[in-house]
C-alpha atoms as a PDB file:
ATOM      1  CA  MET A   1      61.346-100.844 -57.560  1.00  0.00           C
ATOM      2  CA  PRO A   2      60.509-102.264 -54.312  1.00  0.00           C
ATOM      3  CA  TRP A   3      57.499-100.398 -52.459  1.00  0.00           C
ATOM      4  CA  ASP A   4      58.618 -98.603 -48.911  1.00  0.00           C
ATOM      5  CA  LEU A   5      55.531 -99.945 -47.350  1.00  0.00           C
ATOM      6  CA  SER A   6      56.328 -98.995 -43.558  1.00  0.00           C
ATOM      7  CA  ARG A   7      53.923 -99.166 -40.882  1.00  0.00           C
ATOM      8  CA  ARG A   8      52.801 -95.403 -41.203  1.00  0.00           C
ATOM      9  CA  ARG A   9      52.111 -95.788 -44.831  1.00  0.00           C
ATOM     10  CA  LEU A  10      50.079 -99.116 -44.765  1.00  0.00           C
ATOM     11  CA  LEU A  11      48.182 -97.161 -42.030  1.00  0.00           C
ATOM     12  CA  GLN A  12      47.230 -94.290 -44.691  1.00  0.00           C
ATOM     13  CA  LEU A  13      46.856 -96.442 -47.165  1.00  0.00           C
ATOM     14  CA  GLY A  14      44.512 -98.521 -45.142  1.00  0.00           C
ATOM     15  CA  GLY A  15      42.435 -95.213 -43.920  1.00  0.00           C
ATOM     16  CA  ALA A  16      42.181 -93.836 -47.243  1.00  0.00           C
ATOM     17  CA  THR A  17      40.702 -97.041 -48.444  1.00  0.00           C
ATOM     18  CA  ALA A  18      38.396 -97.232 -45.785  1.00  0.00           C
ATOM     19  CA  ALA A  19      37.248 -93.361 -46.064  1.00  0.00           C
ATOM     20  CA  SER A  20      36.523 -93.985 -49.711  1.00  0.00           C
ATOM     21  CA  VAL A  21      33.573 -96.726 -48.437  1.00  0.00           C
ATOM     22  CA  VAL A  22      30.169 -95.783 -48.292  1.00  0.00           C
ATOM     23  CA  LEU A  23      27.992 -98.395 -46.447  1.00  0.00           C
ATOM     24  CA  THR A  24      24.581 -97.429 -47.379  1.00  0.00           C
ATOM     25  CA  GLY A  25      22.574-100.651 -46.611  1.00  0.00           C
ATOM     26  CA  PRO A  26      20.479-102.874 -48.655  1.00  0.00           C
ATOM     27  CA  ARG A  27      19.286-101.000 -52.258  1.00  0.00           C
ATOM     28  CA  ALA A  28      15.470-101.113 -53.128  1.00  0.00           C
ATOM     29  CA  VAL A  29      14.550-102.354 -56.641  1.00  0.00           C
ATOM     30  CA  ALA A  30      13.292 -99.588 -59.162  1.00  0.00           C
ATOM     31  CA  ALA A  31      10.966-100.823 -61.347  1.00  0.00           C
ATOM     32  CA  PRO A  32      12.235 -99.956 -65.075  1.00  0.00           C
ATOM     33  CA  GLY A  33      12.227 -96.034 -65.730  1.00  0.00           C
ATOM     34  CA  THR A  34      11.929 -95.327 -62.090  1.00  0.00           C
ATOM     35  CA  PRO A  35      14.614 -92.834 -60.307  1.00  0.00           C
ATOM     36  CA  PRO A  36      16.721 -95.143 -57.286  1.00  0.00           C
ATOM     37  CA  ALA A  37      15.502 -95.547 -53.871  1.00  0.00           C
ATOM     38  CA  PRO A  38      17.185 -92.822 -51.103  1.00  0.00           C
ATOM     39  CA  THR A  39      19.552 -94.823 -49.175  1.00  0.00           C
ATOM     40  CA  GLY A  40      21.837 -94.168 -46.405  1.00  0.00           C
ATOM     41  CA  THR A  41      18.614 -93.788 -43.894  1.00  0.00           C
ATOM     42  CA  LEU A  42      19.003 -93.165 -40.256  1.00  0.00           C
ATOM     43  CA  THR A  43      17.121 -92.560 -37.043  1.00  0.00           C
ATOM     44  CA  ASP A  44      17.884 -89.961 -34.651  1.00  0.00           C
ATOM     45  CA  LEU A  45      21.150 -89.762 -37.049  1.00  0.00           C
ATOM     46  CA  LEU A  46      21.625 -93.688 -36.058  1.00  0.00           C
ATOM     47  CA  PRO A  47      20.908 -96.672 -38.094  1.00  0.00           C
ATOM     48  CA  GLN A  48      18.334 -98.893 -37.442  1.00  0.00           C
ATOM     49  CA  ALA A  49      17.138 -96.628 -33.978  1.00  0.00           C
ATOM     50  CA  LEU A  50      13.009 -96.508 -34.353  1.00  0.00           C
ATOM     51  CA  ALA A  51      12.695 -98.319 -30.774  1.00  0.00           C
ATOM     52  CA  THR A  52      10.987 -95.278 -29.072  1.00  0.00           C
ATOM     53  CA  THR A  53      10.713 -94.092 -25.735  1.00  0.00           C
ATOM     54  CA  ALA A  54       7.954 -92.410 -24.135  1.00  0.00           C
ATOM     55  CA  GLY A  55       7.474 -88.581 -25.711  1.00  0.00           C
ATOM     56  CA  GLN A  56      10.130 -89.036 -28.540  1.00  0.00           C
ATOM     57  CA  ARG A  57       9.630 -87.446 -31.702  1.00  0.00           C
ATOM     58  CA  PRO A  58      12.105 -89.067 -34.022  1.00  0.00           C
ATOM     59  CA  ARG A  59      14.060 -87.316 -36.934  1.00  0.00           C
ATOM     60  CA  PHE A  60      15.029 -88.909 -40.007  1.00  0.00           C
ATOM     61  CA  SER A  61      17.938 -88.664 -42.488  1.00  0.00           C
ATOM     62  CA  TRP A  62      18.777 -90.044 -45.959  1.00  0.00           C
ATOM     63  CA  GLN A  63      20.701 -90.134 -49.022  1.00  0.00           C
ATOM     64  CA  VAL A  64      19.163 -88.511 -52.087  1.00  0.00           C
ATOM     65  CA  PRO A  65      19.046 -90.697 -54.727  1.00  0.00           C
ATOM     66  CA  ASP A  66      21.124 -89.620 -57.926  1.00  0.00           C
ATOM     67  CA  PHE A  67      18.436 -88.558 -60.551  1.00  0.00           C
ATOM     68  CA  GLY A  68      21.103 -87.901 -63.042  1.00  0.00           C
ATOM     69  CA  ALA A  69      23.151 -84.600 -63.702  1.00  0.00           C
ATOM     70  CA  GLY A  70      21.819 -81.611 -61.490  1.00  0.00           C
ATOM     71  CA  THR A  71      20.371 -83.976 -58.846  1.00  0.00           C
ATOM     72  CA  VAL A  72      18.040 -81.903 -56.694  1.00  0.00           C
ATOM     73  CA  GLN A  73      15.578 -83.172 -54.471  1.00  0.00           C
ATOM     74  CA  ARG A  74      12.346 -80.936 -54.653  1.00  0.00           C
ATOM     75  CA  ALA A  75      10.069 -83.447 -52.400  1.00  0.00           C
ATOM     76  CA  TYR A  76       9.765 -86.347 -50.237  1.00  0.00           C
ATOM     77  CA  GLN A  77       7.271 -88.461 -48.449  1.00  0.00           C
ATOM     78  CA  VAL A  78       8.268 -90.389 -45.032  1.00  0.00           C
ATOM     79  CA  GLN A  79       6.028 -93.394 -44.080  1.00  0.00           C
ATOM     80  CA  VAL A  80       5.838 -94.636 -40.572  1.00  0.00           C
ATOM     81  CA  ALA A  81       4.647 -98.252 -39.963  1.00  0.00           C
ATOM     82  CA  ALA A  82       4.344-100.561 -37.084  1.00  0.00           C
ATOM     83  CA  THR A  83       5.374-103.735 -38.838  1.00  0.00           C
ATOM     84  CA  PRO A  84       8.128-103.974 -41.968  1.00  0.00           C
ATOM     85  CA  GLY A  85       5.326-104.877 -44.200  1.00  0.00           C
ATOM     86  CA  GLY A  86       2.525-102.656 -43.191  1.00  0.00           C
ATOM     87  CA  PHE A  87       2.730 -99.690 -45.371  1.00  0.00           C
ATOM     88  CA  GLU A  88       0.319-101.062 -47.668  1.00  0.00           C
ATOM     89  CA  ASP A  89      -2.524-101.583 -44.675  1.00  0.00           C
ATOM     90  CA  ASP A  90      -4.216-100.540 -41.489  1.00  0.00           C
ATOM     91  CA  ARG A  91      -0.677-100.888 -39.476  1.00  0.00           C
ATOM     92  CA  LEU A  92       0.540 -97.116 -41.476  1.00  0.00           C
ATOM     93  CA  VAL A  93       1.079 -95.223 -38.077  1.00  0.00           C
ATOM     94  CA  TRP A  94       2.294 -92.051 -40.076  1.00  0.00           C
ATOM     95  CA  ASP A  95       2.410 -90.591 -43.786  1.00  0.00           C
ATOM     96  CA  SER A  96       3.679 -87.479 -44.272  1.00  0.00           C
ATOM     97  CA  GLY A  97       2.235 -86.976 -47.788  1.00  0.00           C
ATOM     98  CA  ARG A  98       4.559 -85.213 -50.604  1.00  0.00           C
ATOM     99  CA  ARG A  99       6.120 -82.617 -48.821  1.00  0.00           C
ATOM    100  CA  MET A 100       7.395 -79.671 -51.204  1.00  0.00           C
ATOM    101  CA  SER A 101      11.225 -79.328 -49.733  1.00  0.00           C
ATOM    102  CA  ALA A 102      14.595 -80.201 -50.375  1.00  0.00           C
ATOM    103  CA  ASP A 103      15.515 -81.646 -46.843  1.00  0.00           C
ATOM    104  CA  SER A 104      16.745 -85.121 -46.228  1.00  0.00           C
ATOM    105  CA  VAL A 105      18.490 -84.678 -42.788  1.00  0.00           C
ATOM    106  CA  ALA A 106      16.776 -84.397 -39.277  1.00  0.00           C
ATOM    107  CA  VAL A 107      13.602 -84.373 -40.934  1.00  0.00           C
ATOM    108  CA  PRO A 108      10.672 -84.550 -37.845  1.00  0.00           C
ATOM    109  CA  TYR A 109       8.529 -86.806 -37.334  1.00  0.00           C
ATOM    110  CA  GLU A 110       4.690 -85.088 -37.061  1.00  0.00           C
ATOM    111  CA  GLY A 111       2.349 -88.313 -36.510  1.00  0.00           C
ATOM    112  CA  PRO A 112       0.788 -89.314 -33.627  1.00  0.00           C
ATOM    113  CA  SER A 113       2.756 -90.396 -30.334  1.00  0.00           C
ATOM    114  CA  LEU A 114       4.696 -93.070 -30.786  1.00  0.00           C
ATOM    115  CA  GLN A 115       3.935 -96.046 -28.195  1.00  0.00           C
ATOM    116  CA  PRO A 116       7.253 -96.513 -25.636  1.00  0.00           C
ATOM    117  CA  ARG A 117       9.478 -99.537 -26.018  1.00  0.00           C
ATOM    118  CA  THR A 118       7.985-100.342 -29.338  1.00  0.00           C
ATOM    119  CA  ALA A 119       9.794-100.812 -32.752  1.00  0.00           C
ATOM    120  CA  TYR A 120       8.730 -99.271 -35.953  1.00  0.00           C
ATOM    121  CA  TRP A 121       9.790 -99.038 -39.232  1.00  0.00           C
ATOM    122  CA  TRP A 122       9.711 -95.940 -42.335  1.00  0.00           C
ATOM    123  CA  ARG A 123      10.569 -95.396 -45.285  1.00  0.00           C
ATOM    124  CA  VAL A 124      11.173 -92.420 -48.056  1.00  0.00           C
ATOM    125  CA  ALA A 125      10.722 -91.973 -50.872  1.00  0.00           C
ATOM    126  CA  SER A 126      12.310 -88.621 -52.980  1.00  0.00           C
ATOM    127  CA  TRP A 127      11.337 -86.328 -55.729  1.00  0.00           C
ATOM    128  CA  GLY A 128      13.654 -84.551 -58.262  1.00  0.00           C
ATOM    129  CA  LYS A 129      11.932 -84.971 -61.871  1.00  0.00           C
ATOM    130  CA  LYS A 130       9.968 -88.015 -60.730  1.00  0.00           C
ATOM    131  CA  ARG A 131       9.083 -90.114 -58.061  1.00  0.00           C
ATOM    132  CA  SER A 132      11.665 -92.727 -56.853  1.00  0.00           C
ATOM    133  CA  ALA A 133      11.093 -96.217 -55.995  1.00  0.00           C
ATOM    134  CA  TRP A 134      10.469 -96.597 -51.752  1.00  0.00           C
ATOM    135  CA  SER A 135      13.302 -97.204 -49.758  1.00  0.00           C
ATOM    136  CA  GLN A 136      14.113-100.297 -48.076  1.00  0.00           C
ATOM    137  CA  PRO A 137      12.054-100.238 -44.601  1.00  0.00           C
ATOM    138  CA  THR A 138      14.300 -99.158 -41.933  1.00  0.00           C
ATOM    139  CA  LEU A 139      13.758-100.158 -37.953  1.00  0.00           C
END
């Protein structure tokens, strides 16, 4: 039985294939027994956009990790650092602390003023029943 691969059908198949692919960026490796890390991190709805302009108060978004059946984010923690490895030392600019909230879209930055024309990195952890691994640092 021959396939009728008209241009229209080929474009429909290609569109359906493209729509089924989700690009979430690199995945953080979780310790055994730790829920996976949040993925799909965005700053102001853009990937890798935390280079600030004067007075900017960025908003963070992420995809909640799959904690299993009935996945619900109960809390989150966002950290912002001056370097990609600065989360464990004095380069930490802001730590939201654990926030009891299901929000994962357009979560506002509430730390000290950010320097204009400066790059910052951020990461997030999410709680369901347990805390997830940290997401990969995002610019």
